[in-house]
């Protein structure tokens, strides 16, 4: 009588082969091999590109400063007075580095910046800096920036010591639209 004739051998063989058939794919998968497709990573939705921050464009030839929104549109323009020929408003790309509500002003001799100060003018409507100061550059030995003025008759002219004068109402509105670090592009 042969082994094939014994029923126990054929049952045992079938059980071993069934077990082997179940374990081989598991062993191959654990070793980095697999008979099935690898799982795909989940799809990641691409984020839209970030919108650029708003910025300011000061057009010296036009004597206006423009607020430019996230879409690149010139939303609003304000009339300004700019630096006179002896102290022109500097051109280039700057960042707002100082913002002051109701600034005071230290009077000094623009021809001798190392000389003794002439005194302090307290904050208020008649202060030479008006109701707001938005500094963005340094030139000629002093800070350059946007500031208010009660003398709106000078707007559109080149009369300052490099600063950009605006009506008090306009500089207050602009102050509320910008922040430290906002880009200021000054075009000739």
Protein backbone atom coordinates (compact mmCIF):
# COMPACT_ATOMS: atom_id res chain seq x y z
CA UNK A 1 0.00 0.00 0.00
CA UNK A 2 1.38 3.38 -0.96
CA UNK A 3 1.21 6.63 1.00
CA UNK A 4 -1.15 8.10 -1.53
CA UNK A 5 -3.61 5.50 -0.52
CA UNK A 6 -3.76 6.85 3.03
CA UNK A 7 -6.45 9.52 3.48
CA UNK A 8 -4.53 11.26 6.23
CA UNK A 9 -1.64 12.09 3.87
CA UNK A 10 -3.81 13.73 1.27
CA UNK A 11 -5.68 15.76 3.91
CA UNK A 12 -2.38 16.82 5.51
CA UNK A 13 -0.86 17.68 2.14
CA UNK A 14 -3.86 19.78 1.18
CA UNK A 15 -3.71 21.61 4.53
CA UNK A 16 0.03 22.33 4.15
CA UNK A 17 -0.39 23.52 0.56
CA UNK A 18 -3.31 25.75 1.54
CA UNK A 19 -1.30 27.21 4.40
CA UNK A 20 1.73 27.68 2.13
CA UNK A 21 -0.41 29.43 -0.50
CA UNK A 22 -1.72 31.83 2.16
CA UNK A 23 1.66 32.56 3.76
CA UNK A 24 3.82 33.11 0.66
CA UNK A 25 2.12 36.39 -0.44
CA UNK A 26 2.34 37.67 3.14
CA UNK A 27 6.04 36.84 3.36
CA UNK A 28 6.76 38.44 -0.01
CA UNK A 29 4.85 41.57 0.94
CA UNK A 30 6.80 41.90 4.20
CA UNK A 31 10.08 41.58 2.26
CA UNK A 32 9.15 44.45 -0.04
CA UNK A 33 7.87 42.20 -2.79
CA UNK A 34 4.23 41.88 -3.52
CA UNK A 35 1.94 40.33 -5.98
CA UNK A 36 -0.48 43.29 -5.69
CA UNK A 37 -0.18 46.99 -6.58
CA UNK A 38 1.42 49.24 -3.93
CA UNK A 39 -0.97 51.60 -2.18
CA UNK A 40 -1.16 55.03 -3.82
CA UNK A 41 -0.60 58.16 -1.71
CA UNK A 42 -3.71 60.26 -1.26
CA UNK A 43 -4.14 63.05 -3.78
CA UNK A 44 -3.05 66.42 -2.43
CA UNK A 45 -4.90 69.46 -3.67
CA UNK A 46 -2.49 72.18 -4.78
CA UNK A 47 -2.85 75.38 -2.82
CA UNK A 48 -3.38 78.48 -4.92
CA UNK A 49 -0.27 80.68 -5.12
CA UNK A 50 -0.17 83.25 -2.34
CA UNK A 51 -1.43 86.69 -3.27
CA UNK A 52 1.19 89.42 -3.17
CA UNK A 53 0.95 91.88 -0.30
CA UNK A 54 -0.44 95.34 -0.97
CA UNK A 55 2.21 98.02 -1.55
CA UNK A 56 2.63 101.72 -2.29
CA UNK A 57 3.81 103.38 -5.48
CA UNK A 58 4.98 106.98 -5.14
CA UNK A 59 5.06 108.53 -8.62
CA UNK A 60 7.22 111.64 -8.24
CA UNK A 61 6.44 112.92 -11.74
CA UNK A 62 2.70 112.62 -11.07
CA UNK A 63 3.09 113.84 -7.46
CA UNK A 64 0.77 111.12 -6.18
CA UNK A 65 1.10 108.06 -3.98
CA UNK A 66 -0.97 105.03 -4.95
CA UNK A 67 -2.18 102.19 -2.77
CA UNK A 68 -1.85 98.97 -4.80
CA UNK A 69 -3.98 96.01 -3.64
CA UNK A 70 -3.26 92.24 -3.67
CA UNK A 71 -4.41 92.01 -7.30
CA UNK A 72 -1.98 94.69 -8.47
CA UNK A 73 -4.69 97.31 -8.97
CA UNK A 74 -4.06 100.92 -8.06
CA UNK A 75 -7.04 101.29 -5.76
CA UNK A 76 -6.56 104.84 -4.59
CA UNK A 77 -4.24 107.74 -5.30
CA UNK A 78 -3.44 110.65 -3.00
CA UNK A 79 -1.92 114.02 -3.97
CA UNK A 80 1.43 114.72 -2.32
CA UNK A 81 4.20 117.29 -2.03
CA UNK A 82 7.71 115.90 -2.59
CA UNK A 83 11.32 116.89 -1.98
CA UNK A 84 12.64 120.11 -3.47
CA UNK A 85 15.59 119.98 -5.91
CA UNK A 86 18.19 120.49 -3.13
CA UNK A 87 16.71 117.54 -1.14
CA UNK A 88 14.85 115.31 -3.63
CA UNK A 89 12.76 112.42 -2.39
CA UNK A 90 14.93 109.31 -2.88
CA UNK A 91 13.90 106.85 -5.58
CA UNK A 92 13.99 103.07 -5.43
CA UNK A 93 12.37 100.26 -3.49
CA UNK A 94 11.97 100.64 0.28
CA UNK A 95 9.98 99.16 3.16
CA UNK A 96 7.99 100.98 5.80
CA UNK A 97 10.21 100.92 8.89
CA UNK A 98 8.35 103.23 11.28
CA UNK A 99 4.73 104.17 11.93
CA UNK A 100 3.73 106.76 14.51
CA UNK A 101 0.31 108.13 15.44
CA UNK A 102 0.40 111.77 16.54
CA UNK A 103 4.18 112.19 16.19
CA UNK A 104 6.19 114.93 17.80
CA UNK A 105 8.84 116.80 15.82
CA UNK A 106 12.34 117.77 16.84
CA UNK A 107 13.21 120.98 14.99
CA UNK A 108 16.77 121.14 13.67
CA UNK A 109 18.84 123.01 11.08
CA UNK A 110 18.49 121.09 7.81
CA UNK A 111 21.79 122.63 6.66
CA UNK A 112 23.61 121.46 9.81
CA UNK A 113 22.12 118.19 11.05
CA UNK A 114 24.92 117.78 13.61
CA UNK A 115 24.11 121.14 15.19
CA UNK A 116 22.02 121.74 18.28
CA UNK A 117 18.30 120.95 18.08
CA UNK A 118 15.98 123.96 17.98
CA UNK A 119 13.36 122.37 20.22
CA UNK A 120 10.51 119.91 20.23
CA UNK A 121 7.10 120.54 18.71
CA UNK A 122 4.44 118.43 20.47
CA UNK A 123 1.91 116.26 18.62
CA UNK A 124 -1.12 117.98 17.20
CA UNK A 125 -2.75 119.39 14.13
CA UNK A 126 -0.13 122.15 13.77
CA UNK A 127 2.86 119.85 14.16
CA UNK A 128 4.96 119.86 10.93
CA UNK A 129 4.46 116.08 10.71
CA UNK A 130 0.70 116.32 11.06
CA UNK A 131 -1.32 113.46 12.51
CA UNK A 132 0.68 110.48 11.20
CA UNK A 133 4.25 109.52 10.30
CA UNK A 134 5.06 106.59 7.97
CA UNK A 135 8.85 106.33 7.65
CA UNK A 136 10.47 104.40 4.81
CA UNK A 137 14.00 105.74 4.15
CA UNK A 138 16.98 107.69 5.54
CA UNK A 139 18.69 110.35 3.49
CA UNK A 140 20.58 113.63 4.08
CA UNK A 141 21.03 112.77 7.78
CA UNK A 142 17.33 112.38 8.67
CA UNK A 143 14.39 110.04 8.20
CA UNK A 144 12.21 110.27 5.09
CA UNK A 145 8.55 109.34 5.13
CA UNK A 146 4.94 110.18 4.45
CA UNK A 147 3.40 112.63 6.91
CA UNK A 148 0.47 114.94 7.26
CA UNK A 149 0.33 118.69 6.82
CA UNK A 150 -2.20 121.43 7.45
CA UNK A 151 -0.76 123.35 4.49
CA UNK A 152 -2.57 121.51 1.72
CA UNK A 153 -1.84 124.34 -0.71
CA UNK A 154 1.68 122.84 -1.16
CA UNK A 155 0.37 119.48 -2.42
CA UNK A 156 1.50 118.85 -5.98
CA UNK A 157 4.73 120.82 -5.47
CA UNK A 158 8.38 119.99 -4.75
CA UNK A 159 8.83 121.87 -1.46
CA UNK A 160 9.93 119.44 1.28
CA UNK A 161 13.30 118.29 2.61
CA UNK A 162 12.78 114.87 1.00
CA UNK A 163 9.64 113.81 2.84
CA UNK A 164 6.25 113.23 1.26
CA UNK A 165 3.57 115.56 2.58
CA UNK A 166 -0.10 114.60 2.45
CA UNK A 167 -3.30 116.11 3.79
CA UNK A 168 -3.93 114.95 7.34
CA UNK A 169 -7.11 113.12 6.30
CA UNK A 170 -5.26 111.27 3.52
CA UNK A 171 -2.27 110.25 5.65
CA UNK A 172 -4.59 108.93 8.39
CA UNK A 173 -6.42 106.83 5.77
CA UNK A 174 -3.16 105.57 4.25
CA UNK A 175 -1.76 104.79 7.73
CA UNK A 176 -4.71 102.45 8.34
CA UNK A 177 -4.07 100.57 5.05
CA UNK A 178 -0.37 99.79 5.53
CA UNK A 179 1.85 98.07 8.10
CA UNK A 180 5.50 97.83 9.02
CA UNK A 181 7.31 96.08 6.19
CA UNK A 182 4.95 97.26 3.44
CA UNK A 183 6.91 97.89 0.23
CA UNK A 184 7.20 101.46 -1.04
CA UNK A 185 8.28 101.89 -4.66
CA UNK A 186 9.39 105.44 -5.46
CA UNK A 187 9.42 106.12 -9.19
CA UNK A 188 11.07 109.21 -10.74
